[in-house]
Amino acid sequence: MVATSLEIFIFSVIAGVFGALLGLGGGIIVIPALTLLLGVDIRYAIGASIVSVIATSSGAAVAYVRDNITNLRIGMFLEIATTLGAITGAYIAGLISSKYLYIIFGLVLLYSALAMLKKRKEELPQNVISHPLAKKLNLEGSYFDKVLNKEVKYKVAGVYEAFGTMYLAGILSGLLGIGSGVFKVLAMDLFMKLPMKVSTATSNFMIGVTAAASAGVYLMRGTINPEIAGPVAIGVLLGATLGTKIMERLKNTTIRKIFIPVLIYISVQMLIKGLGV
């Protein structure tokens, strides 16, 4: 072991906060921290990250569902595609070398950062036209925003586009162990036109199911090391609980401002690692 359990635990708490805050799962911090800073092999880091994603979802989902920010109908509807994708991605991962995993991970994050940059000033979606299927499935909803101090009602667009993107999100989850929250949030934010907080909360609910679908494959492959996954799970769970309290008191625009630099920095670091620069 290159890293100590305490070091892994500390980074995992930070990962849990950001994971719950941004709806990305703990993997966005856990994988770069374990591989780039603590010297853990990326395959074991991905295995631990799968566990961290489940822990993030468990810690965040309770609070978001209780406060009605999570849209359960959208989450369960889109989870059909992500679960199938996660199983596909987990099997593909065993056929790809580590350097390609670094590069794929970096490109995914960089794309996400650029997409968020375009919407950094948008607090709530405007002029949204409801998709017929969204009305039929009763996917639209509302929640009380503590920052705006009002009930926010929202419509749902782009159902088909979001569903297709979710299959890709599931494949990325199985490949990279990140819960693919980046694409989940983006699909709901860009295609379905949901408020950022609803996208984040619903993503947190979904990522645990997606990760659990591929966790068995990693366990059978022997890449989930208890010495790494144990402190990761505990740290991420504590961090996620704290992250939910913080998120509810932030504006949507503030969440994006935190989101963008984190993604850009990590994407660059992972690309450098993958390219061997």
Protein backbone atom coordinates (compact mmCIF):
# COMPACT_ATOMS: atom_id res chain seq x y z
CA MET A 1 0.00 0.00 0.00
CA VAL A 2 1.42 3.36 -1.07
CA ALA A 3 -1.23 5.39 0.73
CA THR A 4 -2.33 5.14 4.37
CA SER A 5 -5.94 4.55 5.40
CA LEU A 6 -6.05 8.03 7.00
CA GLU A 7 -4.95 9.71 3.76
CA ILE A 8 -7.55 7.79 1.79
CA PHE A 9 -10.23 8.66 4.37
CA ILE A 10 -9.47 12.41 4.25
CA PHE A 11 -9.63 12.59 0.47
CA SER A 12 -12.81 10.50 0.54
CA VAL A 13 -14.58 12.97 2.85
CA ILE A 14 -13.74 15.76 0.38
CA ALA A 15 -14.92 13.52 -2.46
CA GLY A 16 -18.21 12.91 -0.69
CA VAL A 17 -18.87 16.64 -0.23
CA PHE A 18 -18.23 17.43 -3.90
CA GLY A 19 -20.05 14.32 -5.05
CA ALA A 20 -23.25 15.20 -3.19
CA LEU A 21 -22.92 18.90 -4.01
CA LEU A 22 -22.50 18.42 -7.75
CA GLY A 23 -24.35 15.14 -8.29
CA LEU A 24 -21.27 13.44 -9.72
CA GLY A 25 -20.56 10.71 -7.20
CA GLY A 26 -17.37 10.50 -5.16
CA GLY A 27 -15.42 9.08 -8.10
CA ILE A 28 -14.67 12.50 -9.57
CA ILE A 29 -12.31 13.16 -6.65
CA VAL A 30 -11.51 9.62 -5.48
CA ILE A 31 -9.96 8.34 -8.73
CA PRO A 32 -7.60 11.32 -9.35
CA ALA A 33 -6.67 11.50 -5.64
CA LEU A 34 -5.87 7.80 -5.36
CA THR A 35 -3.99 7.56 -8.65
CA LEU A 36 -2.28 10.94 -9.06
CA LEU A 37 -1.58 11.83 -5.42
CA LEU A 38 -1.49 8.54 -3.51
CA GLY A 39 -0.01 6.22 -6.14
CA VAL A 40 -2.79 3.62 -6.25
CA ASP A 41 -3.18 1.59 -9.46
CA ILE A 42 -6.09 2.98 -11.48
CA ARG A 43 -7.93 -0.36 -11.61
CA TYR A 44 -8.05 -0.57 -7.80
CA ALA A 45 -8.95 3.14 -7.70
CA ILE A 46 -11.90 2.50 -10.03
CA GLY A 47 -13.00 -0.44 -7.88
CA ALA A 48 -12.92 1.75 -4.75
CA SER A 49 -14.70 4.49 -6.65
CA ILE A 50 -17.61 2.18 -7.49
CA VAL A 51 -18.02 1.67 -3.73
CA SER A 52 -17.72 5.43 -3.11
CA VAL A 53 -20.45 6.18 -5.66
CA ILE A 54 -22.85 3.85 -3.84
CA ALA A 55 -21.92 5.55 -0.54
CA THR A 56 -22.45 9.04 -2.01
CA SER A 57 -25.85 8.06 -3.31
CA SER A 58 -26.86 6.58 0.04
CA GLY A 59 -25.73 9.65 1.98
CA ALA A 60 -27.28 12.23 -0.33
CA ALA A 61 -30.44 10.54 -1.54
CA VAL A 62 -32.24 10.52 1.82
CA ALA A 63 -32.04 14.28 2.33
CA TYR A 64 -32.88 15.17 -1.28
CA VAL A 65 -35.87 12.82 -1.43
CA ARG A 66 -37.16 14.10 1.92
CA ASP A 67 -37.01 17.71 0.69
CA ASN A 68 -38.72 16.74 -2.61
CA ILE A 69 -35.79 17.97 -4.71
CA THR A 70 -35.20 14.55 -6.26
CA ASN A 71 -37.58 13.66 -9.08
CA LEU A 72 -38.09 9.94 -8.44
CA ARG A 73 -40.17 9.36 -11.58
CA ILE A 74 -37.44 10.77 -13.83
CA GLY A 75 -34.77 8.88 -11.93
CA MET A 76 -36.45 5.49 -12.26
CA PHE A 77 -37.39 6.11 -15.91
CA LEU A 78 -33.84 7.03 -16.94
CA GLU A 79 -32.26 4.33 -14.76
CA ILE A 80 -33.46 1.68 -17.22
CA ALA A 81 -30.96 2.96 -19.80
CA THR A 82 -28.12 3.65 -17.37
CA THR A 83 -28.26 0.21 -15.75
CA LEU A 84 -27.98 -1.54 -19.12
CA GLY A 85 -25.12 0.78 -20.06
CA ALA A 86 -23.30 0.18 -16.76
CA ILE A 87 -23.25 -3.58 -17.31
CA THR A 88 -21.95 -3.06 -20.86
CA GLY A 89 -19.23 -0.67 -19.69
CA ALA A 90 -18.03 -2.92 -16.87
CA TYR A 91 -17.29 -5.74 -19.30
CA ILE A 92 -15.63 -3.41 -21.83
CA ALA A 93 -13.33 -2.07 -19.08
CA GLY A 94 -11.52 -5.39 -18.78
CA LEU A 95 -10.46 -5.12 -22.44
CA ILE A 96 -9.01 -1.58 -22.33
CA SER A 97 -5.53 -0.59 -21.07
CA SER A 98 -5.11 1.85 -18.17
CA LYS A 99 -3.79 4.72 -20.32
CA TYR A 100 -6.97 4.73 -22.39
CA LEU A 101 -9.06 4.85 -19.22
CA TYR A 102 -7.14 7.97 -18.13
CA ILE A 103 -7.69 9.63 -21.51
CA ILE A 104 -11.42 8.76 -21.66
CA PHE A 105 -11.91 10.03 -18.12
CA GLY A 106 -10.12 13.31 -18.91
CA LEU A 107 -12.09 13.94 -22.09
CA VAL A 108 -15.42 13.26 -20.36
CA LEU A 109 -14.66 15.82 -17.66
CA LEU A 110 -13.36 18.42 -20.11
CA TYR A 111 -16.49 18.14 -22.24
CA SER A 112 -18.65 18.51 -19.14
CA ALA A 113 -16.80 21.64 -18.04
CA LEU A 114 -17.22 23.33 -21.43
CA ALA A 115 -20.95 22.51 -21.53
CA MET A 116 -21.46 23.95 -18.04
CA LEU A 117 -19.49 27.09 -18.93
CA LYS A 118 -22.12 28.05 -21.49
CA LYS A 119 -24.89 27.96 -18.84
CA ARG A 120 -22.98 29.42 -15.88
CA LYS A 121 -25.30 32.43 -15.47
CA GLU A 122 -28.63 30.59 -15.68
CA GLU A 123 -30.42 30.30 -12.32
CA LEU A 124 -33.61 28.60 -13.59
CA PRO A 125 -34.55 27.28 -17.08
CA GLN A 126 -36.63 29.68 -19.16
CA ASN A 127 -39.33 29.10 -21.82
CA VAL A 128 -39.35 25.30 -21.46
CA ILE A 129 -41.85 23.44 -23.67
CA SER A 130 -43.15 20.24 -22.09
CA HIS A 131 -42.48 16.99 -23.95
CA PRO A 132 -45.69 15.00 -24.59
CA LEU A 133 -44.20 11.85 -23.03
CA ALA A 134 -43.19 13.84 -19.94
CA LYS A 135 -46.84 14.81 -19.42
CA LYS A 136 -48.03 11.27 -20.07
CA LEU A 137 -45.59 9.81 -17.52
CA ASN A 138 -46.18 12.68 -15.07
CA LEU A 139 -42.46 13.57 -14.94
CA GLU A 140 -42.91 17.26 -14.15
CA GLY A 141 -42.75 18.49 -10.57
CA SER A 142 -41.84 21.20 -8.07
CA TYR A 143 -39.70 21.81 -4.99
CA PHE A 144 -39.19 24.55 -2.41
CA ASP A 145 -35.95 26.47 -3.01
CA LYS A 146 -34.54 27.66 0.33
CA VAL A 147 -32.28 30.25 -1.33
CA LEU A 148 -34.97 31.79 -3.56
CA ASN A 149 -37.53 31.26 -0.76
CA LYS A 150 -40.25 30.10 -3.12
CA GLU A 151 -41.83 27.02 -4.67
CA VAL A 152 -40.19 26.27 -8.03
CA LYS A 153 -42.39 24.47 -10.57
CA TYR A 154 -40.64 23.02 -13.61
CA LYS A 155 -41.53 21.42 -16.96
CA VAL A 156 -39.64 18.57 -18.66
CA ALA A 157 -38.40 18.61 -22.27
CA GLY A 158 -36.16 16.35 -24.43
CA VAL A 159 -37.23 13.00 -22.98
CA TYR A 160 -35.94 10.88 -25.89
CA GLU A 161 -32.58 12.68 -26.10
CA ALA A 162 -32.02 12.32 -22.36
CA PHE A 163 -32.93 8.62 -22.42
CA GLY A 164 -30.39 7.95 -25.19
CA THR A 165 -27.70 9.90 -23.37
CA MET A 166 -28.34 7.85 -20.23
CA TYR A 167 -27.23 4.65 -21.95
CA LEU A 168 -23.92 6.36 -22.76
CA ALA A 169 -23.76 7.57 -19.15
CA GLY A 170 -24.17 4.00 -17.95
CA ILE A 171 -21.36 2.76 -20.19
CA LEU A 172 -19.07 5.47 -18.81
CA SER A 173 -19.99 4.44 -15.28
CA GLY A 174 -18.97 0.86 -15.94
CA LEU A 175 -15.76 1.97 -17.68
CA LEU A 176 -14.59 4.60 -15.23
CA GLY A 177 -16.28 3.93 -11.92
CA ILE A 178 -17.52 7.52 -11.62
CA GLY A 179 -21.26 6.88 -11.53
CA SER A 180 -21.34 8.91 -14.76
CA GLY A 181 -22.96 11.73 -12.82
CA VAL A 182 -21.37 14.26 -15.17
CA PHE A 183 -23.46 12.99 -18.07
CA LYS A 184 -26.53 12.36 -15.93
CA VAL A 185 -26.54 15.96 -14.72
CA LEU A 186 -25.83 17.29 -18.21
CA ALA A 187 -28.57 15.19 -19.83
CA MET A 188 -31.16 16.47 -17.36
CA ASP A 189 -29.81 20.01 -17.43
CA LEU A 190 -29.27 20.39 -21.20
CA PHE A 191 -31.95 18.11 -22.69
CA MET A 192 -34.72 17.92 -20.10
CA LYS A 193 -34.21 21.55 -19.03
CA LEU A 194 -34.51 20.79 -15.31
CA PRO A 195 -33.34 23.21 -12.60
CA MET A 196 -29.71 22.48 -11.66
CA LYS A 197 -30.64 21.42 -8.13
CA VAL A 198 -33.18 18.89 -9.41
CA SER A 199 -30.61 17.52 -11.87
CA THR A 200 -28.02 17.21 -9.10
CA ALA A 201 -30.37 15.58 -6.61
CA THR A 202 -31.86 13.16 -9.13
CA SER A 203 -28.37 12.24 -10.36
CA ASN A 204 -27.34 11.44 -6.78
CA PHE A 205 -30.32 9.11 -6.51
CA MET A 206 -29.49 7.38 -9.79
CA ILE A 207 -25.72 6.93 -9.51
CA GLY A 208 -25.95 4.39 -6.70
CA VAL A 209 -28.19 2.10 -8.74
CA THR A 210 -25.94 2.42 -11.80
CA ALA A 211 -22.80 1.70 -9.77
CA ALA A 212 -24.37 -1.29 -8.03
CA ALA A 213 -25.15 -2.79 -11.44
CA SER A 214 -21.43 -2.95 -12.29
CA ALA A 215 -19.96 -3.49 -8.78
CA GLY A 216 -20.41 -7.26 -8.97
CA VAL A 217 -18.25 -7.43 -12.09
CA TYR A 218 -15.40 -5.55 -10.37
CA LEU A 219 -15.73 -7.73 -7.26
CA MET A 220 -15.42 -10.93 -9.28
CA ARG A 221 -12.45 -9.44 -11.14
CA GLY A 222 -10.68 -8.80 -7.81
CA THR A 223 -10.21 -5.06 -8.27
CA ILE A 224 -12.18 -4.02 -5.15
CA ASN A 225 -9.50 -3.99 -2.41
CA PRO A 226 -11.05 -3.79 1.11
CA GLU A 227 -8.02 -1.84 2.45
CA ILE A 228 -8.80 0.92 -0.05
CA ALA A 229 -12.57 0.59 -0.46
CA GLY A 230 -13.25 0.53 3.32
CA PRO A 231 -11.91 4.01 4.23
CA VAL A 232 -13.25 5.34 0.93
CA ALA A 233 -16.82 4.22 1.70
CA ILE A 234 -16.82 5.64 5.26
CA GLY A 235 -15.21 8.94 4.25
CA VAL A 236 -17.46 9.49 1.25
CA LEU A 237 -20.60 8.74 3.27
CA LEU A 238 -19.68 11.37 5.88
CA GLY A 239 -18.77 13.89 3.19
CA ALA A 240 -21.97 13.29 1.24
CA THR A 241 -24.10 13.97 4.33
CA LEU A 242 -22.36 17.33 4.74
CA GLY A 243 -22.56 18.09 1.02
CA THR A 244 -26.35 17.80 0.95
CA LYS A 245 -26.70 20.47 3.65
CA ILE A 246 -24.41 22.81 1.71
CA MET A 247 -26.10 22.31 -1.67
CA GLU A 248 -29.56 23.28 -0.46
CA ARG A 249 -28.22 26.69 0.61
CA LEU A 250 -26.45 27.53 -2.66
CA LYS A 251 -27.76 29.11 -5.85
CA ASN A 252 -27.74 27.11 -9.08
CA THR A 253 -25.24 29.57 -10.56
CA THR A 254 -22.92 29.10 -7.55
CA ILE A 255 -22.99 25.33 -8.00
CA ARG A 256 -21.89 25.77 -11.62
CA LYS A 257 -19.06 28.11 -10.62
CA ILE A 258 -17.74 25.44 -8.24
CA PHE A 259 -18.32 22.71 -10.80
CA ILE A 260 -16.40 24.18 -13.75
CA PRO A 261 -12.85 24.70 -12.33
CA VAL A 262 -12.94 21.33 -10.55
CA LEU A 263 -13.71 19.55 -13.82
CA ILE A 264 -11.14 21.47 -15.87
CA TYR A 265 -8.30 20.86 -13.39
CA ILE A 266 -8.95 17.15 -13.00
CA SER A 267 -9.52 16.58 -16.73
CA VAL A 268 -6.15 18.15 -17.56
CA GLN A 269 -4.35 16.09 -14.93
CA MET A 270 -5.88 12.84 -16.15
CA LEU A 271 -5.14 13.61 -19.79
CA ILE A 272 -1.50 14.31 -18.94
CA LYS A 273 -1.30 11.00 -17.09
CA GLY A 274 -2.94 9.06 -19.91
CA LEU A 275 -0.74 10.60 -22.63
CA GLY A 276 2.40 10.00 -20.57
CA VAL A 277 3.50 13.66 -20.74
